[in-house]
Amino acid sequence: QVQLVESGGGLVQPGGSLRLSCQASGFPFSSYAMSWFRQSPGKERDLVATISRTSKPSNYPDSVKGRFTISRDNAQNTLYLQMHSLKPEDTAVYYCNAKVGFVTYWGQGTQVTVSS
């Protein structure tokens, strides 16, 4: 079955960096676009970045543009999100997302907290 397992979250000071990973299994990872979403308490889950199966990234939302970079390693079935210059407003649970056929899959999420 499809599994998406995020890791790499944690507590970081403002201005710091983190790299999130998403290990995928149960489907042909290299054949599908992948995305990162995030959700803060009381807010909707928002798209952060999408990457095509050939590693072409989508336009990032203004809130993360120039600070976040999505990438993938198809040989390792792994999706990444490199985050720099983190701000308190980046605090959220970050989710890996895959649309395989007509089904959307989510990981369990990894908490990112940006605080001094």
N, C-alpha and C. Protein backbone atom coordinates (compact mmCIF):
# COMPACT_ATOMS: atom_id res chain seq x y z
N GLN A 1 0.83 -1.17 0.00
CA GLN A 1 0.00 0.00 0.00
C GLN A 1 0.89 1.25 0.00
N VAL A 2 0.27 2.34 -0.42
CA VAL A 2 1.01 3.60 -0.49
C VAL A 2 1.32 4.08 0.93
N GLN A 3 2.58 4.45 1.14
CA GLN A 3 2.99 5.03 2.41
C GLN A 3 3.87 6.25 2.14
N LEU A 4 3.61 7.29 2.90
CA LEU A 4 4.41 8.51 2.86
C LEU A 4 4.82 8.81 4.30
N VAL A 5 6.12 8.86 4.54
CA VAL A 5 6.62 9.05 5.90
C VAL A 5 7.53 10.26 5.94
N GLU A 6 7.05 11.32 6.60
CA GLU A 6 7.83 12.55 6.71
C GLU A 6 8.79 12.49 7.90
N SER A 7 9.87 13.23 7.80
CA SER A 7 10.81 13.37 8.89
C SER A 7 11.57 14.68 8.72
N GLY A 8 12.28 15.06 9.77
CA GLY A 8 13.13 16.24 9.69
C GLY A 8 12.60 17.48 10.37
N GLY A 9 11.38 17.43 10.88
CA GLY A 9 10.84 18.58 11.58
C GLY A 9 11.51 18.77 12.93
N GLY A 10 11.16 19.88 13.57
CA GLY A 10 11.72 20.15 14.89
C GLY A 10 11.57 21.60 15.27
N LEU A 11 12.28 21.97 16.33
CA LEU A 11 12.28 23.34 16.83
C LEU A 11 13.51 24.06 16.29
N VAL A 12 13.30 25.23 15.70
CA VAL A 12 14.41 25.99 15.14
C VAL A 12 14.18 27.46 15.44
N GLN A 13 15.27 28.20 15.62
CA GLN A 13 15.15 29.63 15.88
C GLN A 13 14.85 30.39 14.59
N PRO A 14 14.22 31.54 14.70
CA PRO A 14 14.01 32.36 13.51
C PRO A 14 15.32 32.61 12.77
N GLY A 15 15.25 32.49 11.45
CA GLY A 15 16.44 32.63 10.63
C GLY A 15 17.16 31.32 10.37
N GLY A 16 16.73 30.28 11.04
CA GLY A 16 17.37 28.99 10.88
C GLY A 16 16.90 28.22 9.67
N SER A 17 17.42 27.01 9.53
CA SER A 17 17.11 26.16 8.39
C SER A 17 16.74 24.76 8.85
N LEU A 18 15.92 24.11 8.03
CA LEU A 18 15.59 22.71 8.23
C LEU A 18 15.42 22.07 6.86
N ARG A 19 15.66 20.77 6.79
CA ARG A 19 15.34 20.02 5.59
C ARG A 19 14.40 18.88 5.96
N LEU A 20 13.23 18.91 5.36
CA LEU A 20 12.26 17.86 5.55
C LEU A 20 12.43 16.79 4.48
N SER A 21 12.15 15.55 4.88
CA SER A 21 12.20 14.43 3.94
C SER A 21 10.88 13.69 3.97
N CYS A 22 10.55 13.08 2.85
CA CYS A 22 9.35 12.23 2.76
C CYS A 22 9.76 10.96 2.02
N GLN A 23 9.75 9.86 2.75
CA GLN A 23 10.07 8.56 2.14
C GLN A 23 8.79 7.95 1.61
N ALA A 24 8.75 7.67 0.32
CA ALA A 24 7.55 7.13 -0.32
C ALA A 24 7.74 5.65 -0.64
N SER A 25 6.65 4.91 -0.59
CA SER A 25 6.68 3.50 -0.97
C SER A 25 5.30 3.06 -1.40
N GLY A 26 5.24 1.95 -2.11
CA GLY A 26 3.95 1.37 -2.50
C GLY A 26 3.40 1.86 -3.82
N PHE A 27 4.14 2.71 -4.51
CA PHE A 27 3.71 3.18 -5.83
C PHE A 27 4.96 3.60 -6.60
N PRO A 28 4.86 3.72 -7.93
CA PRO A 28 6.04 4.11 -8.73
C PRO A 28 6.33 5.60 -8.56
N PHE A 29 7.12 5.91 -7.56
CA PHE A 29 7.38 7.29 -7.14
C PHE A 29 7.79 8.18 -8.31
N SER A 30 8.66 7.68 -9.17
CA SER A 30 9.20 8.51 -10.25
C SER A 30 8.15 8.88 -11.29
N SER A 31 6.98 8.27 -11.24
CA SER A 31 5.95 8.52 -12.24
C SER A 31 4.95 9.60 -11.83
N TYR A 32 5.10 10.15 -10.63
CA TYR A 32 4.07 11.07 -10.12
C TYR A 32 4.68 12.36 -9.58
N ALA A 33 3.95 13.45 -9.83
CA ALA A 33 4.29 14.69 -9.16
C ALA A 33 4.05 14.53 -7.66
N MET A 34 4.78 15.31 -6.89
CA MET A 34 4.68 15.27 -5.43
C MET A 34 4.57 16.70 -4.89
N SER A 35 3.99 16.81 -3.72
CA SER A 35 3.78 18.14 -3.14
C SER A 35 4.05 18.14 -1.65
N TRP A 36 4.33 19.34 -1.15
CA TRP A 36 4.35 19.60 0.29
C TRP A 36 3.23 20.58 0.60
N PHE A 37 2.52 20.30 1.69
CA PHE A 37 1.50 21.18 2.24
C PHE A 37 1.87 21.49 3.68
N ARG A 38 1.25 22.51 4.24
CA ARG A 38 1.41 22.77 5.66
C ARG A 38 0.10 23.27 6.25
N GLN A 39 -0.04 23.02 7.55
CA GLN A 39 -1.26 23.42 8.25
C GLN A 39 -0.92 23.92 9.64
N SER A 40 -1.34 25.15 9.91
CA SER A 40 -1.18 25.73 11.24
C SER A 40 -2.48 25.55 12.00
N PRO A 41 -2.43 25.58 13.33
CA PRO A 41 -3.65 25.40 14.13
C PRO A 41 -4.73 26.41 13.73
N GLY A 42 -5.93 25.91 13.49
CA GLY A 42 -7.05 26.78 13.16
C GLY A 42 -7.08 27.28 11.74
N LYS A 43 -6.13 26.82 10.92
CA LYS A 43 -6.07 27.26 9.54
C LYS A 43 -6.22 26.09 8.58
N GLU A 44 -6.49 26.42 7.32
CA GLU A 44 -6.61 25.39 6.31
C GLU A 44 -5.22 24.85 5.94
N ARG A 45 -5.22 23.67 5.34
CA ARG A 45 -3.98 23.10 4.85
C ARG A 45 -3.63 23.77 3.52
N ASP A 46 -2.47 24.36 3.44
CA ASP A 46 -2.06 25.15 2.28
C ASP A 46 -0.93 24.47 1.51
N LEU A 47 -0.98 24.63 0.19
CA LEU A 47 0.08 24.12 -0.66
C LEU A 47 1.35 24.96 -0.49
N VAL A 48 2.46 24.28 -0.30
CA VAL A 48 3.76 24.96 -0.18
C VAL A 48 4.56 24.85 -1.47
N ALA A 49 4.58 23.67 -2.06
CA ALA A 49 5.36 23.47 -3.28
C ALA A 49 4.97 22.16 -3.93
N THR A 50 5.10 22.12 -5.25
CA THR A 50 4.87 20.91 -6.04
C THR A 50 6.05 20.71 -6.96
N ILE A 51 6.40 19.45 -7.19
CA ILE A 51 7.48 19.14 -8.11
C ILE A 51 7.01 18.06 -9.07
N SER A 52 7.31 18.24 -10.34
CA SER A 52 6.89 17.27 -11.34
C SER A 52 7.72 16.00 -11.21
N ARG A 53 7.32 14.98 -11.94
CA ARG A 53 8.05 13.71 -11.86
C ARG A 53 9.47 13.84 -12.42
N THR A 54 9.67 14.88 -13.25
CA THR A 54 11.01 15.12 -13.80
C THR A 54 11.73 16.25 -13.08
N SER A 55 11.28 16.55 -11.86
CA SER A 55 11.95 17.52 -10.97
C SER A 55 11.78 18.97 -11.38
N LYS A 56 10.74 19.28 -12.13
CA LYS A 56 10.45 20.68 -12.40
C LYS A 56 9.55 21.22 -11.29
N PRO A 57 10.04 22.21 -10.53
CA PRO A 57 9.21 22.73 -9.45
C PRO A 57 8.15 23.70 -9.95
N SER A 58 7.06 23.79 -9.21
CA SER A 58 6.04 24.76 -9.52
C SER A 58 6.44 26.12 -8.95
N ASN A 59 5.65 27.13 -9.29
CA ASN A 59 5.86 28.42 -8.64
C ASN A 59 5.51 28.30 -7.16
N TYR A 60 6.32 28.86 -6.33
CA TYR A 60 6.08 28.83 -4.91
C TYR A 60 5.15 29.98 -4.52
N PRO A 61 4.36 29.80 -3.47
CA PRO A 61 3.58 30.94 -2.98
C PRO A 61 4.51 32.01 -2.45
N ASP A 62 4.06 33.24 -2.50
CA ASP A 62 4.90 34.36 -2.07
C ASP A 62 5.42 34.19 -0.65
N SER A 63 4.65 33.50 0.17
CA SER A 63 5.03 33.35 1.58
C SER A 63 6.33 32.57 1.77
N VAL A 64 6.69 31.73 0.78
CA VAL A 64 7.90 30.91 0.93
C VAL A 64 8.89 31.11 -0.21
N LYS A 65 8.52 31.88 -1.21
CA LYS A 65 9.36 32.05 -2.39
C LYS A 65 10.72 32.62 -2.01
N GLY A 66 11.76 32.01 -2.54
CA GLY A 66 13.12 32.44 -2.25
C GLY A 66 13.70 31.85 -0.98
N ARG A 67 12.88 31.19 -0.19
CA ARG A 67 13.35 30.61 1.07
C ARG A 67 13.25 29.08 1.08
N PHE A 68 12.25 28.54 0.39
CA PHE A 68 12.01 27.10 0.37
C PHE A 68 12.34 26.54 -1.01
N THR A 69 12.86 25.31 -1.03
CA THR A 69 13.15 24.62 -2.28
C THR A 69 12.70 23.18 -2.18
N ILE A 70 11.87 22.77 -3.12
CA ILE A 70 11.44 21.39 -3.19
C ILE A 70 12.34 20.63 -4.15
N SER A 71 12.63 19.38 -3.81
CA SER A 71 13.45 18.54 -4.69
C SER A 71 13.06 17.09 -4.46
N ARG A 72 13.58 16.22 -5.31
CA ARG A 72 13.27 14.81 -5.18
C ARG A 72 14.45 13.98 -5.65
N ASP A 73 14.54 12.77 -5.11
CA ASP A 73 15.52 11.79 -5.53
C ASP A 73 14.72 10.54 -5.94
N ASN A 74 14.53 10.39 -7.23
CA ASN A 74 13.71 9.27 -7.70
C ASN A 74 14.37 7.91 -7.44
N ALA A 75 15.69 7.88 -7.37
CA ALA A 75 16.37 6.62 -7.08
C ALA A 75 16.13 6.16 -5.64
N GLN A 76 15.92 7.13 -4.75
CA GLN A 76 15.70 6.84 -3.34
C GLN A 76 14.24 6.96 -2.93
N ASN A 77 13.35 7.24 -3.90
CA ASN A 77 11.91 7.42 -3.61
C ASN A 77 11.70 8.43 -2.48
N THR A 78 12.43 9.52 -2.54
CA THR A 78 12.39 10.49 -1.45
C THR A 78 12.13 11.90 -1.98
N LEU A 79 11.26 12.59 -1.28
CA LEU A 79 10.92 13.98 -1.56
C LEU A 79 11.54 14.84 -0.45
N TYR A 80 12.02 16.02 -0.83
CA TYR A 80 12.64 16.91 0.14
C TYR A 80 12.01 18.30 0.11
N LEU A 81 12.14 18.99 1.24
CA LEU A 81 11.81 20.41 1.30
C LEU A 81 12.90 21.09 2.12
N GLN A 82 13.74 21.86 1.43
CA GLN A 82 14.77 22.63 2.10
C GLN A 82 14.21 23.99 2.47
N MET A 83 14.30 24.33 3.74
CA MET A 83 13.73 25.58 4.23
C MET A 83 14.82 26.44 4.87
N HIS A 84 14.97 27.65 4.39
CA HIS A 84 15.94 28.60 4.93
C HIS A 84 15.20 29.84 5.44
N SER A 85 15.94 30.64 6.23
CA SER A 85 15.40 31.90 6.75
C SER A 85 14.02 31.72 7.35
N LEU A 86 13.89 30.72 8.18
CA LEU A 86 12.59 30.38 8.74
C LEU A 86 12.06 31.48 9.64
N LYS A 87 10.74 31.66 9.58
CA LYS A 87 10.05 32.69 10.34
C LYS A 87 9.03 32.03 11.28
N PRO A 88 8.65 32.72 12.34
CA PRO A 88 7.63 32.14 13.24
C PRO A 88 6.35 31.74 12.50
N GLU A 89 6.00 32.49 11.47
CA GLU A 89 4.78 32.16 10.72
C GLU A 89 4.91 30.90 9.87
N ASP A 90 6.12 30.34 9.79
CA ASP A 90 6.29 29.06 9.11
C ASP A 90 5.95 27.88 10.03
N THR A 91 5.69 28.16 11.29
CA THR A 91 5.33 27.11 12.24
C THR A 91 4.05 26.42 11.77
N ALA A 92 4.13 25.10 11.62
CA ALA A 92 3.01 24.32 11.10
C ALA A 92 3.39 22.84 11.11
N VAL A 93 2.40 22.02 10.85
CA VAL A 93 2.66 20.62 10.52
C VAL A 93 2.80 20.54 9.01
N TYR A 94 3.88 19.95 8.56
CA TYR A 94 4.17 19.85 7.13
C TYR A 94 3.85 18.43 6.66
N TYR A 95 3.11 18.36 5.56
CA TYR A 95 2.63 17.08 5.03
C TYR A 95 3.15 16.85 3.61
N CYS A 96 3.51 15.62 3.36
CA CYS A 96 3.85 15.14 2.03
C CYS A 96 2.56 14.66 1.36
N ASN A 97 2.45 14.89 0.06
CA ASN A 97 1.22 14.58 -0.66
C ASN A 97 1.51 13.95 -2.00
N ALA A 98 0.73 12.93 -2.34
CA ALA A 98 0.83 12.30 -3.65
C ALA A 98 -0.57 12.01 -4.17
N LYS A 99 -0.79 12.29 -5.45
CA LYS A 99 -2.04 11.93 -6.11
C LYS A 99 -1.73 10.78 -7.05
N VAL A 100 -2.17 9.59 -6.67
CA VAL A 100 -1.90 8.38 -7.45
C VAL A 100 -3.23 7.94 -8.05
N GLY A 101 -3.36 8.12 -9.36
CA GLY A 101 -4.65 7.86 -9.98
C GLY A 101 -5.69 8.84 -9.46
N PHE A 102 -6.80 8.30 -8.94
CA PHE A 102 -7.86 9.16 -8.41
C PHE A 102 -7.78 9.32 -6.89
N VAL A 103 -6.74 8.82 -6.29
CA VAL A 103 -6.62 8.81 -4.83
C VAL A 103 -5.52 9.75 -4.39
N THR A 104 -5.81 10.56 -3.39
CA THR A 104 -4.82 11.45 -2.79
C THR A 104 -4.33 10.85 -1.48
N TYR A 105 -3.03 10.79 -1.35
CA TYR A 105 -2.42 10.22 -0.16
C TYR A 105 -1.68 11.30 0.62
N TRP A 106 -1.69 11.15 1.94
CA TRP A 106 -1.00 12.07 2.84
C TRP A 106 -0.11 11.29 3.79
N GLY A 107 1.01 11.90 4.16
CA GLY A 107 1.79 11.36 5.24
C GLY A 107 1.18 11.77 6.58
N GLN A 108 1.84 11.36 7.66
CA GLN A 108 1.33 11.67 9.00
C GLN A 108 1.70 13.09 9.43
N GLY A 109 2.62 13.69 8.71
CA GLY A 109 3.02 15.06 9.02
C GLY A 109 4.22 15.12 9.95
N THR A 110 4.95 16.23 9.84
CA THR A 110 6.07 16.49 10.74
C THR A 110 5.97 17.93 11.22
N GLN A 111 6.11 18.12 12.52
CA GLN A 111 5.93 19.44 13.12
C GLN A 111 7.18 20.29 12.95
N VAL A 112 6.98 21.49 12.46
CA VAL A 112 8.04 22.49 12.40
C VAL A 112 7.63 23.65 13.29
N THR A 113 8.46 23.97 14.25
CA THR A 113 8.19 25.09 15.15
C THR A 113 9.35 26.07 15.07
N VAL A 114 9.03 27.31 14.72
CA VAL A 114 10.05 28.36 14.61
C VAL A 114 9.82 29.34 15.75
N SER A 115 10.74 29.32 16.69
CA SER A 115 10.57 30.14 17.89
C SER A 115 11.91 30.37 18.55
N SER A 116 12.03 31.54 19.17
CA SER A 116 13.25 31.83 19.93
C SER A 116 13.06 31.46 21.40
